[in-house]
């Protein structure tokens, strides 16, 4: 776990209870489908704005991992701490890189 991942994990430690809430079959199915989509994004489009699941390719509109930004709140609500920390670490790295290239 990287330095950034550890800090993010500590910040979200108070919300671990979300993943231990008893879930009915429908909720489990939805979480499993989200995890399936997340795995596909990580395999074929990690760090890119948009995933093309059929062709297993990606493209960038703004270069800030828009799919990731869209998924962070869902992971938070579902209590998927590992994915949340991965996503936040990636976003921090992207934004740090973008900020370092600005002419200020």
Protein backbone atom coordinates (compact mmCIF):
# COMPACT_ATOMS: atom_id res chain seq x y z
CA UNK A 1 0.00 0.00 0.00
CA UNK A 2 1.47 3.35 -1.01
CA UNK A 3 1.87 6.42 1.18
CA UNK A 4 -1.22 8.02 -0.42
CA UNK A 5 -3.30 4.83 -0.05
CA UNK A 6 -2.53 4.65 3.68
CA UNK A 7 -3.63 8.25 4.24
CA UNK A 8 -6.82 7.75 2.25
CA UNK A 9 -7.54 4.53 4.13
CA UNK A 10 -7.18 6.32 7.46
CA UNK A 11 -9.54 9.10 6.36
CA UNK A 12 -12.23 6.59 5.43
CA UNK A 13 -11.74 4.24 8.38
CA UNK A 14 -14.81 5.70 10.07
CA UNK A 15 -16.96 4.54 7.17
CA UNK A 16 -15.96 0.86 7.19
CA UNK A 17 -19.30 0.06 8.79
CA UNK A 18 -20.95 0.62 5.42
CA UNK A 19 -19.53 -2.63 4.06
CA UNK A 20 -20.69 -4.65 7.06
CA UNK A 21 -24.35 -3.67 6.79
CA UNK A 22 -26.42 -6.82 6.10
CA UNK A 23 -27.43 -6.84 2.44
CA UNK A 24 -30.36 -8.53 0.79
CA UNK A 25 -29.92 -10.53 -2.43
CA UNK A 26 -30.73 -7.54 -4.67
CA UNK A 27 -28.12 -5.35 -2.96
CA UNK A 28 -25.50 -8.11 -3.20
CA UNK A 29 -26.27 -8.51 -6.90
CA UNK A 30 -25.85 -4.77 -7.52
CA UNK A 31 -22.54 -4.65 -5.63
CA UNK A 32 -21.30 -7.68 -7.59
CA UNK A 33 -22.25 -6.03 -10.89
CA UNK A 34 -20.47 -2.82 -9.89
CA UNK A 35 -17.37 -4.83 -8.96
CA UNK A 36 -17.52 -6.59 -12.33
CA UNK A 37 -17.65 -3.24 -14.15
CA UNK A 38 -14.87 -1.85 -11.94
CA UNK A 39 -12.64 -4.84 -12.77
CA UNK A 40 -13.24 -4.24 -16.49
CA UNK A 41 -12.39 -0.56 -16.14
CA UNK A 42 -9.17 -1.40 -14.30
CA UNK A 43 -8.16 -3.95 -16.94
CA UNK A 44 -8.92 -1.97 -20.10
CA UNK A 45 -9.19 1.72 -19.26
CA UNK A 46 -7.40 2.44 -15.96
CA UNK A 47 -6.71 6.16 -15.67
CA UNK A 48 -8.64 7.07 -18.80
CA UNK A 49 -11.81 9.09 -19.04
CA UNK A 50 -14.05 6.65 -20.85
CA UNK A 51 -14.08 2.87 -21.20
CA UNK A 52 -15.33 0.98 -24.24
CA UNK A 53 -16.20 -2.39 -22.69
CA UNK A 54 -16.88 -4.33 -25.89
CA UNK A 55 -13.64 -3.38 -27.66
CA UNK A 56 -11.75 -3.21 -24.34
CA UNK A 57 -10.29 0.16 -25.30
CA UNK A 58 -10.53 3.64 -23.84
CA UNK A 59 -10.34 7.29 -24.76
CA UNK A 60 -9.76 10.58 -23.02
CA UNK A 61 -11.89 13.67 -23.16
CA UNK A 62 -10.14 15.68 -20.46
CA UNK A 63 -7.41 13.33 -19.22
CA UNK A 64 -8.63 13.24 -15.60
CA UNK A 65 -10.10 9.72 -15.36
CA UNK A 66 -13.73 10.84 -15.55
CA UNK A 67 -15.02 7.28 -15.08
CA UNK A 68 -13.08 7.12 -11.84
CA UNK A 69 -14.51 10.43 -10.62
CA UNK A 70 -17.99 9.18 -11.39
CA UNK A 71 -17.43 5.89 -9.53
CA UNK A 72 -15.89 7.26 -6.31
CA UNK A 73 -19.19 8.19 -4.65
CA UNK A 74 -20.72 4.83 -5.59
CA UNK A 75 -17.77 2.98 -4.04
CA UNK A 76 -18.13 5.11 -0.92
CA UNK A 77 -21.83 4.31 -0.56
CA UNK A 78 -21.23 0.60 -1.19
CA UNK A 79 -18.42 0.49 1.36
CA UNK A 80 -15.85 -0.63 -1.22
CA UNK A 81 -12.88 0.86 0.59
CA UNK A 82 -10.16 -0.81 -1.50
CA UNK A 83 -11.54 0.53 -4.76
CA UNK A 84 -12.16 3.90 -3.20
CA UNK A 85 -8.55 4.19 -2.02
CA UNK A 86 -7.26 3.04 -5.42
CA UNK A 87 -9.42 5.62 -7.16
CA UNK A 88 -8.46 8.46 -4.87
CA UNK A 89 -4.76 7.60 -5.18
CA UNK A 90 -5.05 7.66 -8.97
CA UNK A 91 -6.93 10.96 -8.99
CA UNK A 92 -4.39 12.55 -6.65
CA UNK A 93 -1.56 11.40 -8.93
CA UNK A 94 -3.33 12.72 -12.05
CA UNK A 95 -4.11 16.09 -10.51
CA UNK A 96 -0.60 16.44 -9.08
CA UNK A 97 0.82 15.72 -12.52
CA UNK A 98 -1.54 18.22 -14.16
CA UNK A 99 -0.74 20.90 -11.60
CA UNK A 100 3.01 20.40 -12.00
CA UNK A 101 2.72 21.06 -15.76
CA UNK A 102 0.92 24.39 -15.35
CA UNK A 103 2.82 27.56 -16.14
CA UNK A 104 2.18 29.64 -13.05
